[in-house]
């Protein structure tokens, strides 16, 4: 349940930011490539989970995911601050 909520949070935050900084014309041009690359990245990351667990262990992977969540929250705040200007 937490994973799905986290993914939805990131997904909505990502598209909300992109929509807030692009004009409709820019959005028409770049939304498809961004969505396509995001899908490819998600597929590759899902395939690498077993490799990460083997190297870091489950607890290590939880630490990495927690740290990445904190970093993404900070960067999102910075990005939205830049978009307001």
PDB file of N, CA and C in Angstrom:
ATOM      1  N   UNK A   1       0.832  -1.181   0.000  1.00  0.00           N
ATOM      2  CA  UNK A   1       0.000   0.000   0.000  1.00  0.00           C
ATOM      3  C   UNK A   1       0.877   1.246   0.000  1.00  0.00           C
ATOM      4  N   UNK A   2       1.904   1.265   0.860  1.00  0.00           N
ATOM      5  CA  UNK A   2       2.770   2.444   0.929  1.00  0.00           C
ATOM      6  C   UNK A   2       3.475   2.684  -0.399  1.00  0.00           C
ATOM      7  N   UNK A   3       3.906   1.620  -1.048  1.00  0.00           N
ATOM      8  CA  UNK A   3       4.607   1.766  -2.323  1.00  0.00           C
ATOM      9  C   UNK A   3       3.710   2.449  -3.344  1.00  0.00           C
ATOM     10  N   UNK A   4       2.463   2.016  -3.455  1.00  0.00           N
ATOM     11  CA  UNK A   4       1.546   2.609  -4.421  1.00  0.00           C
ATOM     12  C   UNK A   4       1.272   4.077  -4.093  1.00  0.00           C
ATOM     13  N   UNK A   5       1.126   4.399  -2.827  1.00  0.00           N
ATOM     14  CA  UNK A   5       0.897   5.787  -2.437  1.00  0.00           C
ATOM     15  C   UNK A   5       2.117   6.642  -2.763  1.00  0.00           C
ATOM     16  N   UNK A   6       3.295   6.128  -2.505  1.00  0.00           N
ATOM     17  CA  UNK A   6       4.538   6.852  -2.784  1.00  0.00           C
ATOM     18  C   UNK A   6       4.708   7.084  -4.282  1.00  0.00           C
ATOM     19  N   UNK A   7       4.430   6.071  -5.079  1.00  0.00           N
ATOM     20  CA  UNK A   7       4.546   6.196  -6.532  1.00  0.00           C
ATOM     21  C   UNK A   7       3.560   7.230  -7.042  1.00  0.00           C
ATOM     22  N   UNK A   8       2.342   7.214  -6.547  1.00  0.00           N
ATOM     23  CA  UNK A   8       1.354   8.200  -6.983  1.00  0.00           C
ATOM     24  C   UNK A   8       1.763   9.605  -6.580  1.00  0.00           C
ATOM     25  N   UNK A   9       2.328   9.762  -5.391  1.00  0.00           N
ATOM     26  CA  UNK A   9       2.813  11.066  -4.951  1.00  0.00           C
ATOM     27  C   UNK A   9       3.884  11.587  -5.894  1.00  0.00           C
ATOM     28  N   UNK A  10       4.856  10.766  -6.196  1.00  0.00           N
ATOM     29  CA  UNK A  10       5.933  11.191  -7.093  1.00  0.00           C
ATOM     30  C   UNK A  10       5.420  11.482  -8.498  1.00  0.00           C
ATOM     31  N   UNK A  11       4.538  10.634  -8.994  1.00  0.00           N
ATOM     32  CA  UNK A  11       3.986  10.806 -10.337  1.00  0.00           C
ATOM     33  C   UNK A  11       3.229  12.132 -10.445  1.00  0.00           C
ATOM     34  N   UNK A  12       2.350  12.389  -9.486  1.00  0.00           N
ATOM     35  CA  UNK A  12       1.576  13.628  -9.517  1.00  0.00           C
ATOM     36  C   UNK A  12       2.445  14.849  -9.323  1.00  0.00           C
ATOM     37  N   UNK A  13       3.422  14.753  -8.454  1.00  0.00           N
ATOM     38  CA  UNK A  13       4.327  15.871  -8.213  1.00  0.00           C
ATOM     39  C   UNK A  13       5.146  16.186  -9.463  1.00  0.00           C
ATOM     40  N   UNK A  14       5.596  15.162 -10.124  1.00  0.00           N
ATOM     41  CA  UNK A  14       6.391  15.311 -11.346  1.00  0.00           C
ATOM     42  C   UNK A  14       5.596  16.044 -12.422  1.00  0.00           C
ATOM     43  N   UNK A  15       4.401  15.574 -12.712  1.00  0.00           N
ATOM     44  CA  UNK A  15       3.605  16.190 -13.781  1.00  0.00           C
ATOM     45  C   UNK A  15       3.077  17.557 -13.378  1.00  0.00           C
ATOM     46  N   UNK A  16       2.793  17.774 -12.112  1.00  0.00           N
ATOM     47  CA  UNK A  16       2.350  19.102 -11.664  1.00  0.00           C
ATOM     48  C   UNK A  16       3.454  20.124 -11.871  1.00  0.00           C
ATOM     49  N   UNK A  17       4.679  19.747 -11.554  1.00  0.00           N
ATOM     50  CA  UNK A  17       5.789  20.674 -11.757  1.00  0.00           C
ATOM     51  C   UNK A  17       5.991  20.962 -13.240  1.00  0.00           C
ATOM     52  N   UNK A  18       6.008  19.922 -14.049  1.00  0.00           N
ATOM     53  CA  UNK A  18       6.232  20.122 -15.484  1.00  0.00           C
ATOM     54  C   UNK A  18       5.121  20.987 -16.074  1.00  0.00           C
ATOM     55  N   UNK A  19       3.892  20.754 -15.671  1.00  0.00           N
ATOM     56  CA  UNK A  19       2.776  21.553 -16.182  1.00  0.00           C
ATOM     57  C   UNK A  19       2.877  23.003 -15.743  1.00  0.00           C
ATOM     58  N   UNK A  20       3.462  23.245 -14.593  1.00  0.00           N
ATOM     59  CA  UNK A  20       3.531  24.621 -14.090  1.00  0.00           C
ATOM     60  C   UNK A  20       4.633  25.445 -14.746  1.00  0.00           C
ATOM     61  N   UNK A  21       5.621  24.807 -15.338  1.00  0.00           N
ATOM     62  CA  UNK A  21       6.733  25.570 -15.914  1.00  0.00           C
ATOM     63  C   UNK A  21       6.737  25.607 -17.433  1.00  0.00           C
ATOM     64  N   UNK A  22       5.914  24.794 -18.086  1.00  0.00           N
ATOM     65  CA  UNK A  22       5.907  24.763 -19.541  1.00  0.00           C
ATOM     66  C   UNK A  22       4.667  25.449 -20.099  1.00  0.00           C
ATOM     67  N   UNK A  23       4.827  26.063 -21.257  1.00  0.00           N
ATOM     68  CA  UNK A  23       3.683  26.599 -21.980  1.00  0.00           C
ATOM     69  C   UNK A  23       2.956  25.432 -22.649  1.00  0.00           C
ATOM     70  N   UNK A  24       1.709  25.628 -23.084  1.00  0.00           N
ATOM     71  CA  UNK A  24       1.016  24.528 -23.777  1.00  0.00           C
ATOM     72  C   UNK A  24       1.772  24.021 -25.010  1.00  0.00           C
ATOM     73  N   UNK A  25       2.410  24.910 -25.740  1.00  0.00           N
ATOM     74  CA  UNK A  25       3.167  24.486 -26.921  1.00  0.00           C
ATOM     75  C   UNK A  25       4.370  23.630 -26.529  1.00  0.00           C
ATOM     76  N   UNK A  26       5.080  24.054 -25.494  1.00  0.00           N
ATOM     77  CA  UNK A  26       6.220  23.265 -25.012  1.00  0.00           C
ATOM     78  C   UNK A  26       5.760  21.921 -24.481  1.00  0.00           C
ATOM     79  N   UNK A  27       4.631  21.919 -23.785  1.00  0.00           N
ATOM     80  CA  UNK A  27       4.092  20.677 -23.254  1.00  0.00           C
ATOM     81  C   UNK A  27       3.751  19.687 -24.361  1.00  0.00           C
ATOM     82  N   UNK A  28       3.155  20.200 -25.440  1.00  0.00           N
ATOM     83  CA  UNK A  28       2.835  19.312 -26.564  1.00  0.00           C
ATOM     84  C   UNK A  28       4.082  18.683 -27.158  1.00  0.00           C
ATOM     85  N   UNK A  29       5.183  19.400 -27.119  1.00  0.00           N
ATOM     86  CA  UNK A  29       6.417  18.913 -27.722  1.00  0.00           C
ATOM     87  C   UNK A  29       7.178  17.949 -26.814  1.00  0.00           C
ATOM     88  N   UNK A  30       7.178  18.154 -25.501  1.00  0.00           N
ATOM     89  CA  UNK A  30       8.066  17.378 -24.627  1.00  0.00           C
ATOM     90  C   UNK A  30       7.378  16.364 -23.716  1.00  0.00           C
ATOM     91  N   UNK A  31       6.057  16.423 -23.556  1.00  0.00           N
ATOM     92  CA  UNK A  31       5.402  15.482 -22.642  1.00  0.00           C
ATOM     93  C   UNK A  31       5.582  14.032 -23.075  1.00  0.00           C
ATOM     94  N   UNK A  32       5.424  13.739 -24.361  1.00  0.00           N
ATOM     95  CA  UNK A  32       5.548  12.354 -24.833  1.00  0.00           C
ATOM     96  C   UNK A  32       6.950  11.789 -24.593  1.00  0.00           C
ATOM     97  N   UNK A  33       8.031  12.516 -24.964  1.00  0.00           N
ATOM     98  CA  UNK A  33       9.363  11.961 -24.670  1.00  0.00           C
ATOM     99  C   UNK A  33       9.624  11.785 -23.173  1.00  0.00           C
ATOM    100  N   UNK A  34       9.146  12.708 -22.354  1.00  0.00           N
ATOM    101  CA  UNK A  34       9.344  12.579 -20.910  1.00  0.00           C
ATOM    102  C   UNK A  34       8.614  11.340 -20.386  1.00  0.00           C
ATOM    103  N   UNK A  35       7.375  11.156 -20.826  1.00  0.00           N
ATOM    104  CA  UNK A  35       6.609   9.985 -20.390  1.00  0.00           C
ATOM    105  C   UNK A  35       7.257   8.692 -20.872  1.00  0.00           C
ATOM    106  N   UNK A  36       7.737   8.680 -22.104  1.00  0.00           N
ATOM    107  CA  UNK A  36       8.387   7.480 -22.637  1.00  0.00           C
ATOM    108  C   UNK A  36       9.657   7.129 -21.891  1.00  0.00           C
ATOM    109  N   UNK A  37      10.490   8.123 -21.649  1.00  0.00           N
ATOM    110  CA  UNK A  37      11.733   7.869 -20.909  1.00  0.00           C
ATOM    111  C   UNK A  37      11.446   7.458 -19.472  1.00  0.00           C
ATOM    112  N   UNK A  38      10.395   8.028 -18.888  1.00  0.00           N
ATOM    113  CA  UNK A  38      10.008   7.629 -17.539  1.00  0.00           C
ATOM    114  C   UNK A  38       9.580   6.181 -17.471  1.00  0.00           C
ATOM    115  N   UNK A  39       8.855   5.727 -18.486  1.00  0.00           N
ATOM    116  CA  UNK A  39       8.432   4.323 -18.536  1.00  0.00           C
ATOM    117  C   UNK A  39       9.623   3.391 -18.702  1.00  0.00           C
ATOM    118  N   UNK A  40      10.556   3.780 -19.549  1.00  0.00           N
ATOM    119  CA  UNK A  40      11.759   2.964 -19.746  1.00  0.00           C
ATOM    120  C   UNK A  40      12.568   2.902 -18.450  1.00  0.00           C
ATOM    121  N   UNK A  41      12.732   4.051 -17.802  1.00  0.00           N
ATOM    122  CA  UNK A  41      13.468   4.090 -16.540  1.00  0.00           C
ATOM    123  C   UNK A  41      12.814   3.243 -15.461  1.00  0.00           C
ATOM    124  N   UNK A  42      11.491   3.291 -15.380  1.00  0.00           N
ATOM    125  CA  UNK A  42      10.773   2.481 -14.389  1.00  0.00           C
ATOM    126  C   UNK A  42      10.952   0.991 -14.653  1.00  0.00           C
ATOM    127  N   UNK A  43      10.907   0.619 -15.919  1.00  0.00           N
ATOM    128  CA  UNK A  43      11.078  -0.787 -16.277  1.00  0.00           C
ATOM    129  C   UNK A  43      12.483  -1.266 -15.921  1.00  0.00           C
ATOM    130  N   UNK A  44      13.480  -0.467 -16.244  1.00  0.00           N
ATOM    131  CA  UNK A  44      14.861  -0.840 -15.913  1.00  0.00           C
ATOM    132  C   UNK A  44      15.075  -0.906 -14.407  1.00  0.00           C
ATOM    133  N   UNK A  45      14.519   0.054 -13.684  1.00  0.00           N
ATOM    134  CA  UNK A  45      14.678   0.055 -12.227  1.00  0.00           C
ATOM    135  C   UNK A  45      14.009  -1.160 -11.595  1.00  0.00           C
ATOM    136  N   UNK A  46      12.840  -1.523 -12.103  1.00  0.00           N
ATOM    137  CA  UNK A  46      12.158  -2.696 -11.562  1.00  0.00           C
ATOM    138  C   UNK A  46      12.975  -3.961 -11.788  1.00  0.00           C
ATOM    139  N   UNK A  47      13.653  -4.037 -12.913  1.00  0.00           N
ATOM    140  CA  UNK A  47      14.495  -5.190 -13.192  1.00  0.00           C
ATOM    141  C   UNK A  47      15.753  -5.232 -12.348  1.00  0.00           C
ATOM    142  N   UNK A  48      16.181  -4.097 -11.833  1.00  0.00           N
ATOM    143  CA  UNK A  48      17.415  -4.025 -11.051  1.00  0.00           C
ATOM    144  C   UNK A  48      17.203  -4.226  -9.551  1.00  0.00           C
ATOM    145  N   UNK A  49      15.969  -4.325  -9.104  1.00  0.00           N
ATOM    146  CA  UNK A  49      15.704  -4.456  -7.669  1.00  0.00           C
ATOM    147  C   UNK A  49      16.423  -5.655  -7.074  1.00  0.00           C
ATOM    148  N   UNK A  50      16.374  -6.793  -7.738  1.00  0.00           N
ATOM    149  CA  UNK A  50      17.022  -7.987  -7.187  1.00  0.00           C
ATOM    150  C   UNK A  50      18.533  -7.797  -7.087  1.00  0.00           C
ATOM    151  N   UNK A  51      19.124  -7.064  -8.027  1.00  0.00           N
ATOM    152  CA  UNK A  51      20.562  -6.779  -7.972  1.00  0.00           C
ATOM    153  C   UNK A  51      20.873  -5.893  -6.769  1.00  0.00           C
ATOM    154  N   UNK A  52      20.049  -4.866  -6.566  1.00  0.00           N
ATOM    155  CA  UNK A  52      20.275  -3.971  -5.428  1.00  0.00           C
ATOM    156  C   UNK A  52      20.096  -4.692  -4.099  1.00  0.00           C
ATOM    157  N   UNK A  53      19.101  -5.541  -4.007  1.00  0.00           N
ATOM    158  CA  UNK A  53      18.876  -6.288  -2.760  1.00  0.00           C
ATOM    159  C   UNK A  53      20.049  -7.228  -2.498  1.00  0.00           C
ATOM    160  N   UNK A  54      20.571  -7.866  -3.547  1.00  0.00           N
ATOM    161  CA  UNK A  54      21.704  -8.773  -3.367  1.00  0.00           C
ATOM    162  C   UNK A  54      22.946  -8.015  -2.884  1.00  0.00           C
ATOM    163  N   UNK A  55      23.148  -6.808  -3.377  1.00  0.00           N
ATOM    164  CA  UNK A  55      24.341  -6.038  -2.988  1.00  0.00           C
ATOM    165  C   UNK A  55      24.186  -5.306  -1.675  1.00  0.00           C
ATOM    166  N   UNK A  56      23.018  -4.704  -1.448  1.00  0.00           N
ATOM    167  CA  UNK A  56      22.829  -3.855  -0.271  1.00  0.00           C
ATOM    168  C   UNK A  56      22.098  -4.551   0.865  1.00  0.00           C
ATOM    169  N   UNK A  57      21.369  -5.602   0.542  1.00  0.00           N
ATOM    170  CA  UNK A  57      20.498  -6.216   1.536  1.00  0.00           C
ATOM    171  C   UNK A  57      19.204  -5.419   1.623  1.00  0.00           C
ATOM    172  N   UNK A  58      18.203  -6.026   2.207  1.00  0.00           N
ATOM    173  CA  UNK A  58      16.904  -5.379   2.281  1.00  0.00           C
ATOM    174  C   UNK A  58      16.945  -4.113   3.135  1.00  0.00           C
ATOM    175  N   UNK A  59      17.609  -4.182   4.270  1.00  0.00           N
ATOM    176  CA  UNK A  59      17.693  -3.008   5.147  1.00  0.00           C
ATOM    177  C   UNK A  59      18.480  -1.890   4.472  1.00  0.00           C
ATOM    178  N   UNK A  60      19.559  -2.228   3.786  1.00  0.00           N
ATOM    179  CA  UNK A  60      20.331  -1.220   3.061  1.00  0.00           C
ATOM    180  C   UNK A  60      19.500  -0.566   1.971  1.00  0.00           C
ATOM    181  N   UNK A  61      18.689  -1.349   1.288  1.00  0.00           N
ATOM    182  CA  UNK A  61      17.830  -0.807   0.246  1.00  0.00           C
ATOM    183  C   UNK A  61      16.765   0.113   0.839  1.00  0.00           C
ATOM    184  N   UNK A  62      16.265  -0.236   2.007  1.00  0.00           N
ATOM    185  CA  UNK A  62      15.310   0.654   2.681  1.00  0.00           C
ATOM    186  C   UNK A  62      15.962   1.978   3.054  1.00  0.00           C
ATOM    187  N   UNK A  63      17.218   1.938   3.498  1.00  0.00           N
ATOM    188  CA  UNK A  63      17.932   3.183   3.805  1.00  0.00           C
ATOM    189  C   UNK A  63      18.120   4.027   2.553  1.00  0.00           C
ATOM    190  N   UNK A  64      18.492   3.392   1.459  1.00  0.00           N
ATOM    191  CA  UNK A  64      18.676   4.116   0.199  1.00  0.00           C
ATOM    192  C   UNK A  64      17.357   4.736  -0.259  1.00  0.00           C
ATOM    193  N   UNK A  65      16.263   3.995  -0.162  1.00  0.00           N
ATOM    194  CA  UNK A  65      14.977   4.540  -0.600  1.00  0.00           C
ATOM    195  C   UNK A  65      14.527   5.686   0.304  1.00  0.00           C
ATOM    196  N   UNK A  66      14.789   5.584   1.592  1.00  0.00           N
ATOM    197  CA  UNK A  66      14.469   6.693   2.497  1.00  0.00           C
ATOM    198  C   UNK A  66      15.283   7.939   2.188  1.00  0.00           C
ATOM    199  N   UNK A  67      16.568   7.739   1.926  1.00  0.00           N
ATOM    200  CA  UNK A  67      17.418   8.876   1.572  1.00  0.00           C
ATOM    201  C   UNK A  67      16.983   9.495   0.251  1.00  0.00           C
ATOM    202  N   UNK A  68      16.615   8.663  -0.716  1.00  0.00           N
ATOM    203  CA  UNK A  68      16.172   9.209  -2.004  1.00  0.00           C
ATOM    204  C   UNK A  68      14.857   9.956  -1.855  1.00  0.00           C
ATOM    205  N   UNK A  69      13.993   9.522  -0.960  1.00  0.00           N
ATOM    206  CA  UNK A  69      12.749  10.232  -0.705  1.00  0.00           C
ATOM    207  C   UNK A  69      13.031  11.621  -0.136  1.00  0.00           C
ATOM    208  N   UNK A  70      13.944  11.701   0.809  1.00  0.00           N
ATOM    209  CA  UNK A  70      14.295  12.997   1.403  1.00  0.00           C
ATOM    210  C   UNK A  70      14.898  13.919   0.355  1.00  0.00           C
ATOM    211  N   UNK A  71      15.821  13.401  -0.446  1.00  0.00           N
ATOM    212  CA  UNK A  71      16.447  14.207  -1.496  1.00  0.00           C
ATOM    213  C   UNK A  71      15.407  14.671  -2.505  1.00  0.00           C
ATOM    214  N   UNK A  72      14.503  13.783  -2.914  1.00  0.00           N
ATOM    215  CA  UNK A  72      13.489  14.181  -3.893  1.00  0.00           C
ATOM    216  C   UNK A  72      12.534  15.221  -3.322  1.00  0.00           C
ATOM    217  N   UNK A  73      12.213  15.140  -2.038  1.00  0.00           N
ATOM    218  CA  UNK A  73      11.351  16.143  -1.417  1.00  0.00           C
ATOM    219  C   UNK A  73      12.039  17.513  -1.386  1.00  0.00           C
ATOM    220  N   UNK A  74      13.316  17.526  -1.069  1.00  0.00           N
ATOM    221  CA  UNK A  74      14.065  18.790  -1.042  1.00  0.00           C
ATOM    222  C   UNK A  74      14.169  19.374  -2.448  1.00  0.00           C
ATOM    223  N   UNK A  75      14.511  18.552  -3.420  1.00  0.00           N
ATOM    224  CA  UNK A  75      14.629  19.035  -4.795  1.00  0.00           C
ATOM    225  C   UNK A  75      13.285  19.488  -5.361  1.00  0.00           C
ATOM    226  N   UNK A  76      12.214  18.812  -4.985  1.00  0.00           N
ATOM    227  CA  UNK A  76      10.888  19.241  -5.431  1.00  0.00           C
ATOM    228  C   UNK A  76      10.552  20.611  -4.861  1.00  0.00           C
ATOM    229  N   UNK A  77      10.872  20.836  -3.604  1.00  0.00           N
ATOM    230  CA  UNK A  77      10.624  22.139  -2.988  1.00  0.00           C
ATOM    231  C   UNK A  77      11.424  23.228  -3.690  1.00  0.00           C
ATOM    232  N   UNK A  78      12.682  22.941  -3.990  1.00  0.00           N
ATOM    233  CA  UNK A  78      13.525  23.904  -4.709  1.00  0.00           C
ATOM    234  C   UNK A  78      12.964  24.172  -6.100  1.00  0.00           C
ATOM    235  N   UNK A  79      12.567  23.114  -6.799  1.00  0.00           N
ATOM    236  CA  UNK A  79      12.048  23.260  -8.162  1.00  0.00           C
ATOM    237  C   UNK A  79      10.766  24.076  -8.175  1.00  0.00           C
ATOM    238  N   UNK A  80       9.827  23.807  -7.254  1.00  0.00           N
ATOM    239  CA  UNK A  80       8.595  24.571  -7.219  1.00  0.00           C
ATOM    240  C   UNK A  80       8.886  26.020  -6.835  1.00  0.00           C
ATOM    241  N   UNK A  81       9.873  26.254  -5.969  1.00  0.00           N
ATOM    242  CA  UNK A  81      10.271  27.618  -5.649  1.00  0.00           C
ATOM    243  C   UNK A  81      10.800  28.360  -6.873  1.00  0.00           C
ATOM    244  N   UNK A  82      11.578  27.676  -7.680  1.00  0.00           N
ATOM    245  CA  UNK A  82      12.098  28.286  -8.910  1.00  0.00           C
ATOM    246  C   UNK A  82      10.976  28.549  -9.903  1.00  0.00           C
ATOM    247  N   UNK A  83       9.989  27.685  -9.942  1.00  0.00           N
ATOM    248  CA  UNK A  83       8.882  27.850 -10.882  1.00  0.00           C
ATOM    249  C   UNK A  83       7.988  29.018 -10.507  1.00  0.00           C
ATOM    250  N   UNK A  84       7.918  29.359  -9.237  1.00  0.00           N
ATOM    251  CA  UNK A  84       7.082  30.473  -8.792  1.00  0.00           C
ATOM    252  C   UNK A  84       7.638  31.817  -9.235  1.00  0.00           C
ATOM    253  N   UNK A  85       8.947  31.875  -9.473  1.00  0.00           N
ATOM    254  CA  UNK A  85       9.598  33.147  -9.817  1.00  0.00           C
ATOM    255  C   UNK A  85       9.278  33.567 -11.204  1.00  0.00           C
TER     256      UNK A  85
END
